[in-house]
Amino acid sequence: MTSPTHGSLLADLPAPGADEDFRPLFANGAVRIERIVSHHHASPPGFWYEQTDDEWVMLVSGAATLAFDDGRELPLAPGDWALLPAGCRHRVAQTAAATVWLAVHARHPDT
């Protein structure tokens, strides 16, 4: 019998650095779950995420704003979530210190 594992999304937060911290929590062939920690990070100017997987993100702590290629912006506070379908061009416009995200990536059924 396999034993369950557990942890805390808010434990062992990394100190601010040049890059965001991505920590895998679970993965199988269809789903990947990760914790992302941002400290005043933003996507580079002109950079857009355009992923082949669907992504569901929830802001656990801190604050952030997502920007979309149609000019819309989505401010996020703790507890807010967004579903970013495969192919949705988006970027991180800004984050506050110690911003913690929970991200769930699901393989798009068409891939």
N, C-alpha and C. Protein backbone atom coordinates (compact mmCIF):
# COMPACT_ATOMS: atom_id res chain seq x y z
N MET A 1 0.85 -1.18 0.00
CA MET A 1 0.00 0.00 0.00
C MET A 1 0.89 1.24 0.00
N THR A 2 0.53 2.22 -0.80
CA THR A 2 1.28 3.47 -0.90
C THR A 2 0.80 4.44 0.16
N SER A 3 1.74 5.13 0.79
CA SER A 3 1.38 6.10 1.83
C SER A 3 1.08 7.45 1.21
N PRO A 4 0.12 8.19 1.78
CA PRO A 4 -0.16 9.53 1.28
C PRO A 4 0.98 10.48 1.63
N THR A 5 1.07 11.56 0.89
CA THR A 5 2.03 12.61 1.21
C THR A 5 1.24 13.89 1.46
N HIS A 6 1.87 14.84 2.14
CA HIS A 6 1.19 16.09 2.43
C HIS A 6 2.22 17.18 2.62
N GLY A 7 1.77 18.40 2.65
CA GLY A 7 2.68 19.53 2.85
C GLY A 7 1.87 20.80 3.01
N SER A 8 2.56 21.93 2.98
CA SER A 8 1.92 23.23 3.09
C SER A 8 2.41 24.12 1.96
N LEU A 9 1.49 24.76 1.27
CA LEU A 9 1.87 25.67 0.19
C LEU A 9 2.67 26.86 0.71
N LEU A 10 2.52 27.17 2.00
CA LEU A 10 3.17 28.36 2.55
C LEU A 10 4.43 28.04 3.34
N ALA A 11 4.85 26.78 3.36
CA ALA A 11 6.06 26.40 4.08
C ALA A 11 7.28 26.59 3.19
N ASP A 12 8.39 26.94 3.82
CA ASP A 12 9.68 27.03 3.13
C ASP A 12 9.64 27.93 1.90
N LEU A 13 9.05 29.10 2.03
CA LEU A 13 9.03 30.03 0.90
C LEU A 13 10.45 30.52 0.61
N PRO A 14 10.84 30.54 -0.64
CA PRO A 14 12.19 30.99 -0.98
C PRO A 14 12.34 32.50 -0.80
N ALA A 15 13.55 32.92 -0.54
CA ALA A 15 13.86 34.34 -0.46
C ALA A 15 13.74 34.95 -1.85
N PRO A 16 13.55 36.26 -1.92
CA PRO A 16 13.50 36.91 -3.24
C PRO A 16 14.76 36.62 -4.04
N GLY A 17 14.58 36.41 -5.32
CA GLY A 17 15.69 36.15 -6.23
C GLY A 17 15.39 36.72 -7.59
N ALA A 18 16.27 36.48 -8.52
CA ALA A 18 16.11 37.02 -9.87
C ALA A 18 14.93 36.39 -10.61
N ASP A 19 14.60 35.14 -10.29
CA ASP A 19 13.54 34.42 -11.00
C ASP A 19 12.47 33.95 -10.03
N GLU A 20 11.30 33.69 -10.58
CA GLU A 20 10.24 33.06 -9.80
C GLU A 20 10.68 31.65 -9.43
N ASP A 21 10.11 31.12 -8.35
CA ASP A 21 10.42 29.77 -7.90
C ASP A 21 9.25 28.86 -8.25
N PHE A 22 9.53 27.81 -9.01
CA PHE A 22 8.52 26.83 -9.41
C PHE A 22 8.82 25.53 -8.68
N ARG A 23 7.84 25.05 -7.89
CA ARG A 23 8.03 23.79 -7.16
C ARG A 23 6.95 22.80 -7.57
N PRO A 24 7.32 21.70 -8.25
CA PRO A 24 6.32 20.69 -8.62
C PRO A 24 5.77 20.01 -7.38
N LEU A 25 4.46 19.83 -7.35
CA LEU A 25 3.80 19.15 -6.24
C LEU A 25 3.24 17.79 -6.65
N PHE A 26 2.82 17.68 -7.91
CA PHE A 26 2.23 16.43 -8.41
C PHE A 26 2.27 16.47 -9.92
N ALA A 27 2.49 15.31 -10.52
CA ALA A 27 2.43 15.21 -11.98
C ALA A 27 2.11 13.78 -12.37
N ASN A 28 1.30 13.66 -13.43
CA ASN A 28 1.11 12.38 -14.11
C ASN A 28 1.00 12.71 -15.58
N GLY A 29 0.57 11.82 -16.41
CA GLY A 29 0.54 12.09 -17.84
C GLY A 29 -0.44 13.16 -18.27
N ALA A 30 -1.45 13.47 -17.44
CA ALA A 30 -2.49 14.41 -17.85
C ALA A 30 -2.51 15.71 -17.05
N VAL A 31 -1.98 15.69 -15.83
CA VAL A 31 -2.08 16.85 -14.93
C VAL A 31 -0.74 17.12 -14.27
N ARG A 32 -0.42 18.42 -14.12
CA ARG A 32 0.77 18.85 -13.38
C ARG A 32 0.33 19.96 -12.42
N ILE A 33 0.67 19.82 -11.14
CA ILE A 33 0.33 20.84 -10.13
C ILE A 33 1.63 21.39 -9.59
N GLU A 34 1.71 22.72 -9.50
CA GLU A 34 2.93 23.33 -8.98
C GLU A 34 2.61 24.55 -8.13
N ARG A 35 3.55 24.84 -7.23
CA ARG A 35 3.50 26.08 -6.47
C ARG A 35 4.49 27.03 -7.12
N ILE A 36 4.05 28.28 -7.30
CA ILE A 36 4.91 29.31 -7.87
C ILE A 36 5.01 30.43 -6.83
N VAL A 37 6.24 30.87 -6.55
CA VAL A 37 6.44 31.98 -5.64
C VAL A 37 7.09 33.12 -6.42
N SER A 38 6.44 34.29 -6.35
CA SER A 38 6.91 35.48 -7.06
C SER A 38 7.20 36.57 -6.03
N HIS A 39 8.26 37.31 -6.27
CA HIS A 39 8.61 38.46 -5.43
C HIS A 39 8.80 39.66 -6.36
N HIS A 40 7.74 40.39 -6.62
CA HIS A 40 7.79 41.55 -7.52
C HIS A 40 8.25 41.16 -8.92
N HIS A 41 7.94 39.94 -9.36
CA HIS A 41 8.30 39.49 -10.70
C HIS A 41 7.21 39.88 -11.70
N ALA A 42 7.62 39.97 -12.94
CA ALA A 42 6.71 40.19 -14.06
C ALA A 42 7.31 39.53 -15.29
N SER A 43 6.47 39.20 -16.25
CA SER A 43 6.99 38.66 -17.51
C SER A 43 7.80 39.74 -18.21
N PRO A 44 8.85 39.35 -18.93
CA PRO A 44 9.64 40.34 -19.66
C PRO A 44 8.77 41.10 -20.67
N PRO A 45 9.10 42.35 -20.95
CA PRO A 45 8.34 43.12 -21.95
C PRO A 45 8.26 42.36 -23.28
N GLY A 46 7.06 42.31 -23.84
CA GLY A 46 6.87 41.65 -25.13
C GLY A 46 6.74 40.14 -25.05
N PHE A 47 6.92 39.53 -23.87
CA PHE A 47 6.81 38.08 -23.72
C PHE A 47 5.37 37.70 -23.43
N TRP A 48 4.88 36.65 -24.10
CA TRP A 48 3.54 36.13 -23.87
C TRP A 48 3.60 34.62 -23.65
N TYR A 49 2.92 34.14 -22.63
CA TYR A 49 2.69 32.70 -22.49
C TYR A 49 1.60 32.34 -23.49
N GLU A 50 1.79 31.24 -24.20
CA GLU A 50 0.77 30.69 -25.10
C GLU A 50 0.95 29.19 -25.05
N GLN A 51 0.35 28.59 -24.02
CA GLN A 51 0.59 27.20 -23.67
C GLN A 51 -0.33 26.25 -24.42
N THR A 52 0.13 25.02 -24.59
CA THR A 52 -0.69 23.99 -25.23
C THR A 52 -1.60 23.29 -24.23
N ASP A 53 -1.38 23.50 -22.93
CA ASP A 53 -2.22 22.92 -21.89
C ASP A 53 -3.17 23.98 -21.33
N ASP A 54 -4.31 23.53 -20.81
CA ASP A 54 -5.16 24.42 -20.03
C ASP A 54 -4.45 24.66 -18.70
N GLU A 55 -4.62 25.87 -18.13
CA GLU A 55 -4.00 26.17 -16.83
C GLU A 55 -5.04 26.85 -15.95
N TRP A 56 -5.17 26.33 -14.73
CA TRP A 56 -6.01 26.94 -13.71
C TRP A 56 -5.05 27.45 -12.64
N VAL A 57 -5.13 28.73 -12.31
CA VAL A 57 -4.27 29.31 -11.28
C VAL A 57 -5.11 29.94 -10.19
N MET A 58 -4.63 29.83 -8.95
CA MET A 58 -5.25 30.51 -7.83
C MET A 58 -4.17 31.26 -7.08
N LEU A 59 -4.48 32.47 -6.68
CA LEU A 59 -3.56 33.25 -5.88
C LEU A 59 -3.81 32.89 -4.41
N VAL A 60 -2.78 32.36 -3.77
CA VAL A 60 -2.89 31.93 -2.37
C VAL A 60 -2.58 33.10 -1.44
N SER A 61 -1.54 33.86 -1.76
CA SER A 61 -1.18 35.03 -0.95
C SER A 61 -0.52 36.06 -1.85
N GLY A 62 -0.48 37.31 -1.37
CA GLY A 62 0.14 38.37 -2.15
C GLY A 62 -0.88 39.04 -3.06
N ALA A 63 -0.38 39.53 -4.19
CA ALA A 63 -1.23 40.19 -5.19
C ALA A 63 -0.56 40.07 -6.54
N ALA A 64 -1.36 40.05 -7.60
CA ALA A 64 -0.80 39.93 -8.94
C ALA A 64 -1.80 40.49 -9.95
N THR A 65 -1.29 40.80 -11.12
CA THR A 65 -2.13 41.19 -12.25
C THR A 65 -1.70 40.40 -13.46
N LEU A 66 -2.66 39.74 -14.10
CA LEU A 66 -2.42 39.08 -15.37
C LEU A 66 -2.84 40.02 -16.48
N ALA A 67 -2.10 40.03 -17.58
CA ALA A 67 -2.46 40.84 -18.75
C ALA A 67 -2.69 39.90 -19.93
N PHE A 68 -3.59 40.31 -20.82
CA PHE A 68 -3.94 39.50 -21.98
C PHE A 68 -3.67 40.29 -23.25
N ASP A 69 -3.43 39.59 -24.35
CA ASP A 69 -3.01 40.27 -25.58
C ASP A 69 -4.09 41.15 -26.20
N ASP A 70 -5.32 41.07 -25.70
CA ASP A 70 -6.38 41.96 -26.19
C ASP A 70 -6.46 43.25 -25.37
N GLY A 71 -5.50 43.45 -24.43
CA GLY A 71 -5.45 44.67 -23.64
C GLY A 71 -6.12 44.57 -22.27
N ARG A 72 -6.86 43.49 -22.02
CA ARG A 72 -7.49 43.34 -20.71
C ARG A 72 -6.45 43.03 -19.64
N GLU A 73 -6.74 43.45 -18.41
CA GLU A 73 -5.92 43.08 -17.26
C GLU A 73 -6.83 42.50 -16.19
N LEU A 74 -6.32 41.54 -15.44
CA LEU A 74 -7.08 40.86 -14.40
C LEU A 74 -6.30 40.94 -13.10
N PRO A 75 -6.69 41.84 -12.18
CA PRO A 75 -6.03 41.88 -10.87
C PRO A 75 -6.50 40.69 -10.04
N LEU A 76 -5.58 40.09 -9.30
CA LEU A 76 -5.89 38.93 -8.46
C LEU A 76 -5.50 39.21 -7.02
N ALA A 77 -6.37 38.84 -6.10
CA ALA A 77 -6.15 38.93 -4.66
C ALA A 77 -6.21 37.50 -4.11
N PRO A 78 -5.75 37.29 -2.88
CA PRO A 78 -5.80 35.93 -2.32
C PRO A 78 -7.20 35.32 -2.43
N GLY A 79 -7.22 34.09 -2.92
CA GLY A 79 -8.46 33.36 -3.14
C GLY A 79 -9.01 33.47 -4.54
N ASP A 80 -8.55 34.46 -5.32
CA ASP A 80 -9.01 34.60 -6.71
C ASP A 80 -8.35 33.54 -7.58
N TRP A 81 -9.08 33.08 -8.58
CA TRP A 81 -8.54 32.11 -9.52
C TRP A 81 -8.91 32.50 -10.94
N ALA A 82 -8.18 31.92 -11.89
CA ALA A 82 -8.44 32.16 -13.31
C ALA A 82 -8.20 30.87 -14.08
N LEU A 83 -9.03 30.62 -15.06
CA LEU A 83 -8.83 29.51 -15.98
C LEU A 83 -8.29 30.08 -17.28
N LEU A 84 -7.11 29.62 -17.66
CA LEU A 84 -6.44 30.08 -18.88
C LEU A 84 -6.46 28.93 -19.88
N PRO A 85 -7.39 28.94 -20.82
CA PRO A 85 -7.48 27.84 -21.78
C PRO A 85 -6.22 27.74 -22.64
N ALA A 86 -5.96 26.57 -23.14
CA ALA A 86 -4.84 26.38 -24.06
C ALA A 86 -4.90 27.43 -25.16
N GLY A 87 -3.76 28.04 -25.46
CA GLY A 87 -3.69 29.05 -26.51
C GLY A 87 -4.01 30.46 -26.07
N CYS A 88 -4.42 30.64 -24.82
CA CYS A 88 -4.74 31.98 -24.30
C CYS A 88 -3.43 32.75 -24.06
N ARG A 89 -3.21 33.79 -24.86
CA ARG A 89 -1.97 34.57 -24.72
C ARG A 89 -2.10 35.48 -23.51
N HIS A 90 -1.18 35.27 -22.54
CA HIS A 90 -1.23 36.04 -21.31
C HIS A 90 0.19 36.25 -20.79
N ARG A 91 0.30 37.18 -19.87
CA ARG A 91 1.59 37.43 -19.23
C ARG A 91 1.31 37.89 -17.80
N VAL A 92 2.34 37.82 -16.96
CA VAL A 92 2.24 38.34 -15.60
C VAL A 92 2.68 39.80 -15.66
N ALA A 93 1.74 40.72 -15.43
CA ALA A 93 2.05 42.14 -15.50
C ALA A 93 2.78 42.62 -14.26
N GLN A 94 2.39 42.10 -13.09
CA GLN A 94 3.07 42.48 -11.86
C GLN A 94 2.69 41.52 -10.74
N THR A 95 3.55 41.42 -9.74
CA THR A 95 3.26 40.68 -8.51
C THR A 95 3.81 41.47 -7.33
N ALA A 96 3.24 41.20 -6.17
CA ALA A 96 3.73 41.79 -4.93
C ALA A 96 4.80 40.87 -4.34
N ALA A 97 5.40 41.28 -3.25
CA ALA A 97 6.36 40.42 -2.54
C ALA A 97 5.62 39.20 -1.99
N ALA A 98 6.32 38.08 -1.96
CA ALA A 98 5.80 36.83 -1.39
C ALA A 98 4.42 36.47 -1.94
N THR A 99 4.28 36.56 -3.26
CA THR A 99 3.06 36.13 -3.92
C THR A 99 3.16 34.63 -4.20
N VAL A 100 2.19 33.89 -3.71
CA VAL A 100 2.18 32.43 -3.87
C VAL A 100 0.99 32.04 -4.73
N TRP A 101 1.29 31.27 -5.78
CA TRP A 101 0.28 30.77 -6.72
C TRP A 101 0.17 29.25 -6.57
N LEU A 102 -1.00 28.72 -6.83
CA LEU A 102 -1.20 27.29 -7.04
C LEU A 102 -1.63 27.16 -8.49
N ALA A 103 -0.86 26.41 -9.27
CA ALA A 103 -1.14 26.26 -10.70
C ALA A 103 -1.40 24.79 -11.02
N VAL A 104 -2.47 24.57 -11.76
CA VAL A 104 -2.83 23.22 -12.22
C VAL A 104 -2.83 23.26 -13.74
N HIS A 105 -1.95 22.48 -14.34
CA HIS A 105 -1.84 22.38 -15.80
C HIS A 105 -2.47 21.05 -16.21
N ALA A 106 -3.42 21.11 -17.13
CA ALA A 106 -4.11 19.91 -17.60
C ALA A 106 -3.92 19.78 -19.10
N ARG A 107 -3.47 18.62 -19.52
CA ARG A 107 -3.29 18.39 -20.95
C ARG A 107 -4.60 18.64 -21.65
N HIS A 108 -4.53 19.44 -22.71
CA HIS A 108 -5.73 19.75 -23.48
C HIS A 108 -6.14 18.48 -24.23
N PRO A 109 -7.44 18.16 -24.25
CA PRO A 109 -7.89 16.90 -24.87
C PRO A 109 -7.50 16.77 -26.34
N ASP A 110 -7.25 17.87 -27.02
CA ASP A 110 -6.91 17.82 -28.44
C ASP A 110 -5.44 17.57 -28.72
N THR A 111 -4.60 17.44 -27.66
CA THR A 111 -3.15 17.24 -27.88
C THR A 111 -2.72 15.88 -27.47
